[in-house]
Every structure is written in C-alpha cells, then in structure tokens.
Amino acid sequence: MGVPRTGSCGTVPGEDFWGVAAQSLRSSGGTRVATLLHAFLAGRSLRLLPALEGRTAELRGLGRVGLERDAVAAREFFALGPRAVRGFRLRHALALGPVDADVMAELLEAELATTLGPFWRGVAASDSADLGRRTARQRQLRDRLRDEATGSGTDAAHRTHAG
C-alpha cells in the first residue's frame, strides 16, 4: 500500500492514488480520465478526485483507507503544486510550456520583495545576532558537540599544541 510522503512542500499522494488513476485510464479508454488528469496537473480543476473516488467505492479495508488518505494528500498536493504554479504563471502572464529557472527565480524574488521588502538571494542569515537566546544556545551546543566528535574544536587544538 502506498503511503503519502511528507516533504518540505507538503504531502505527496502515495502510489495507491496514482495506481488507481492509471488503472482508470486503461479501463475507461482513457479519454475522460486523461482530460481530468491533465486539468488536475495543470492546476485548473480538482474534478479528477471525485471521479477516482467513485471508482474505488467497492474497495474495503486497508486499501480503501490508503486511497482515502491519498485523496487528502492529492488535494494538498494540488493546492501547493499545480494550483500555486498556475496562479504564479497567470499573475506574470507566462506562456504555456517550460519556464527558465532564472526567469522563475527573478519573478518570485520580485513578488516576495513587494511583500517582505528588499532582500538578497543567496545570502545566509546572520548567525545568532537575530536569533532568540534559546535557539542561539542550541546552535552553540550543537556546534560544540560536533566539534568534540570530530576533534576539530579549540580544545583539540590546545591538546595538540600542548602535548
């Protein structure tokens, strides 16, 4: 049974969901489901989900539970992926087809700058100056433990020179 995966951008539907979509494409001649799948991945419509849910109504047990969980993940995937990208393309009047990564980055940077104010892409945040005391202390302790484990801390340097 496929399990939805959670990543930095949300939950991705598991293999069960996409397996039912593929099976539906094969069994129905593919035309209607292919149209719905294209609209789903293009960020235009969620109508694919009720169509697939109707085809899984006869399933029982874990298979049905897995598909229900995948349907929830598919809705989140749609909102964070295809629907968000479609909205971005429409806001910036981008043509259909691939968009160059540099163009996408520039447009996204300009969009964020209007909301957040000026910022510099690729510049890391300053160390602990802007962090709360607890986070700064956690980082300090983590770095100390890492240095002790690798022998690269200042104590190791003193032991080497002293001994």
Protein backbone atom coordinates (compact mmCIF):
# COMPACT_ATOMS: atom_id res chain seq x y z
CA MET A 1 0.00 0.00 0.00
CA GLY A 2 1.38 3.40 -0.94
CA VAL A 3 1.93 5.86 1.84
CA PRO A 4 1.77 9.60 1.26
CA ARG A 5 5.20 11.18 1.71
CA THR A 6 5.61 14.42 3.62
CA GLY A 7 8.31 16.78 2.43
CA SER A 8 9.23 20.43 2.75
CA CYS A 9 6.33 21.38 0.48
CA GLY A 10 3.60 19.26 1.99
CA THR A 11 2.25 15.77 1.45
CA VAL A 12 2.53 13.93 -1.86
CA PRO A 13 -0.07 11.26 -2.71
CA GLY A 14 1.13 7.67 -2.37
CA GLU A 15 1.36 5.01 -5.05
CA ASP A 16 -2.21 3.78 -4.42
CA PHE A 17 -3.71 7.04 -5.67
CA TRP A 18 -1.63 7.16 -8.85
CA GLY A 19 -2.19 3.42 -9.40
CA VAL A 20 -5.97 3.90 -9.37
CA ALA A 21 -5.57 6.83 -11.77
CA ALA A 22 -3.51 4.66 -14.14
CA GLN A 23 -5.97 1.76 -13.88
CA SER A 24 -8.85 4.14 -14.60
CA LEU A 25 -7.03 5.44 -17.65
CA ARG A 26 -6.59 1.90 -19.01
CA SER A 27 -10.10 0.62 -18.21
CA SER A 28 -12.08 3.62 -19.50
CA GLY A 29 -10.26 4.04 -22.76
CA GLY A 30 -8.52 6.92 -21.04
CA THR A 31 -10.19 9.89 -22.69
CA ARG A 32 -12.25 11.31 -19.80
CA VAL A 33 -9.78 10.43 -17.05
CA ALA A 34 -6.84 11.71 -19.14
CA THR A 35 -8.65 15.04 -19.58
CA LEU A 36 -9.33 15.23 -15.85
CA LEU A 37 -5.73 14.26 -15.02
CA HIS A 38 -4.40 16.94 -17.36
CA ALA A 39 -6.68 19.57 -15.76
CA PHE A 40 -5.55 18.42 -12.28
CA LEU A 41 -1.83 18.61 -13.07
CA ALA A 42 -2.29 21.92 -14.91
CA GLY A 43 -3.83 23.40 -11.75
CA ARG A 44 -7.24 24.04 -13.35
CA SER A 45 -9.54 21.50 -11.68
CA LEU A 46 -9.95 19.01 -8.83
CA ARG A 47 -12.66 17.04 -10.71
CA LEU A 48 -10.26 14.10 -11.07
CA LEU A 49 -10.56 13.26 -7.39
CA PRO A 50 -14.32 12.61 -7.22
CA ALA A 51 -14.03 10.58 -10.45
CA LEU A 52 -11.34 8.36 -8.92
CA GLU A 53 -13.10 8.15 -5.56
CA GLY A 54 -16.18 6.84 -7.35
CA ARG A 55 -14.11 4.05 -8.91
CA THR A 56 -12.76 2.97 -5.52
CA ALA A 57 -16.13 2.79 -3.73
CA GLU A 58 -16.12 -1.03 -3.87
CA LEU A 59 -12.77 -1.33 -2.07
CA ARG A 60 -12.73 -2.35 1.59
CA GLY A 61 -10.24 -2.37 4.42
CA LEU A 62 -6.73 -1.01 4.24
CA GLY A 63 -6.85 -0.41 0.50
CA ARG A 64 -9.76 1.96 0.90
CA VAL A 65 -8.18 3.69 3.91
CA GLY A 66 -4.97 4.18 1.93
CA LEU A 67 -6.83 5.67 -1.02
CA GLU A 68 -8.82 7.99 1.21
CA ARG A 69 -5.57 9.19 2.77
CA ASP A 70 -4.07 9.60 -0.70
CA ALA A 71 -7.09 11.66 -1.79
CA VAL A 72 -6.50 14.06 1.10
CA ALA A 73 -2.80 14.26 0.15
CA ALA A 74 -3.77 14.81 -3.51
CA ARG A 75 -5.87 17.83 -2.52
CA GLU A 76 -2.93 19.31 -0.59
CA PHE A 77 -0.57 18.49 -3.47
CA PHE A 78 -2.94 20.24 -5.90
CA ALA A 79 -3.13 23.39 -3.76
CA LEU A 80 0.63 23.63 -3.14
CA GLY A 81 1.81 22.45 -6.55
CA PRO A 82 -0.25 22.74 -9.72
CA ARG A 83 -2.73 25.38 -8.46
CA ALA A 84 0.05 27.55 -6.99
CA VAL A 85 2.19 27.32 -10.14
CA ARG A 86 -0.83 28.09 -12.33
CA GLY A 87 -1.61 31.18 -10.23
CA PHE A 88 2.02 32.28 -10.49
CA ARG A 89 2.01 31.82 -14.28
CA LEU A 90 -1.23 33.80 -14.64
CA ARG A 91 -0.03 36.65 -12.38
CA HIS A 92 3.09 37.04 -14.50
CA ALA A 93 1.47 36.27 -17.89
CA LEU A 94 3.88 33.41 -18.56
CA ALA A 95 3.22 31.36 -21.68
CA LEU A 96 2.48 27.65 -21.54
CA GLY A 97 5.49 25.35 -21.57
CA PRO A 98 8.73 25.24 -19.63
CA VAL A 99 9.86 28.39 -17.82
CA ASP A 100 13.56 29.08 -17.45
CA ALA A 101 14.68 28.70 -13.82
CA ASP A 102 16.35 32.12 -13.80
CA VAL A 103 13.17 33.80 -15.06
CA MET A 104 11.10 31.97 -12.43
CA ALA A 105 13.57 32.98 -9.69
CA GLU A 106 13.57 36.65 -10.75
CA LEU A 107 9.78 36.82 -10.84
CA LEU A 108 9.45 35.09 -7.50
CA GLU A 109 12.09 37.37 -5.99
CA ALA A 110 10.23 40.47 -7.24
CA GLU A 111 6.95 39.11 -5.88
CA LEU A 112 8.47 38.39 -2.47
CA ALA A 113 10.22 41.78 -2.35
CA THR A 114 6.87 43.55 -2.62
CA THR A 115 5.67 41.62 0.43
CA LEU A 116 8.83 41.29 2.53
CA GLY A 117 10.85 44.27 1.40
CA PRO A 118 14.31 44.11 -0.14
CA PHE A 119 16.41 41.03 0.40
CA TRP A 120 19.42 39.40 -1.22
CA ARG A 121 19.11 36.00 -2.82
CA GLY A 122 21.76 33.52 -1.74
CA VAL A 123 22.89 35.45 1.33
CA ALA A 124 22.68 33.40 4.51
CA ALA A 125 21.04 34.91 7.55
CA SER A 126 23.42 36.30 10.13
CA ASP A 127 24.38 33.88 12.86
CA SER A 128 22.96 34.20 16.33
CA ALA A 129 22.51 38.00 16.35
CA ASP A 130 18.92 37.75 15.07
CA LEU A 131 18.04 34.51 16.85
CA GLY A 132 16.36 34.15 20.19
CA ARG A 133 18.55 33.21 23.14
CA ARG A 134 17.27 29.62 23.22
CA THR A 135 17.93 28.99 19.50
CA ALA A 136 21.35 30.64 19.69
CA ARG A 137 22.25 28.46 22.70
CA GLN A 138 21.01 25.30 20.94
CA ARG A 139 23.19 26.06 17.93
CA GLN A 140 26.16 26.79 20.16
CA LEU A 141 25.76 23.45 21.96
CA ARG A 142 25.22 21.57 18.69
CA ASP A 143 28.39 23.09 17.22
CA ARG A 144 30.37 22.25 20.37
CA LEU A 145 29.20 18.61 20.27
CA ARG A 146 30.04 18.34 16.57
CA ASP A 147 33.49 19.83 17.17
CA GLU A 148 34.15 17.43 20.04
CA ALA A 149 33.02 14.46 17.96
CA THR A 150 35.28 15.39 15.05
CA GLY A 151 38.15 16.63 17.20
CA SER A 152 38.15 19.99 15.43
CA GLY A 153 37.23 22.22 18.37
CA THR A 154 39.52 24.66 20.15
CA ASP A 155 40.07 22.11 22.96
CA ALA A 156 41.51 19.66 20.44
CA ALA A 157 43.81 22.37 19.10
CA HIS A 158 45.06 23.15 22.62
CA ARG A 159 45.65 19.46 23.34
CA THR A 160 47.61 19.07 20.12
CA HIS A 161 49.84 22.10 20.74
CA ALA A 162 50.23 21.45 24.43
CA GLY A 163 51.03 17.78 24.18
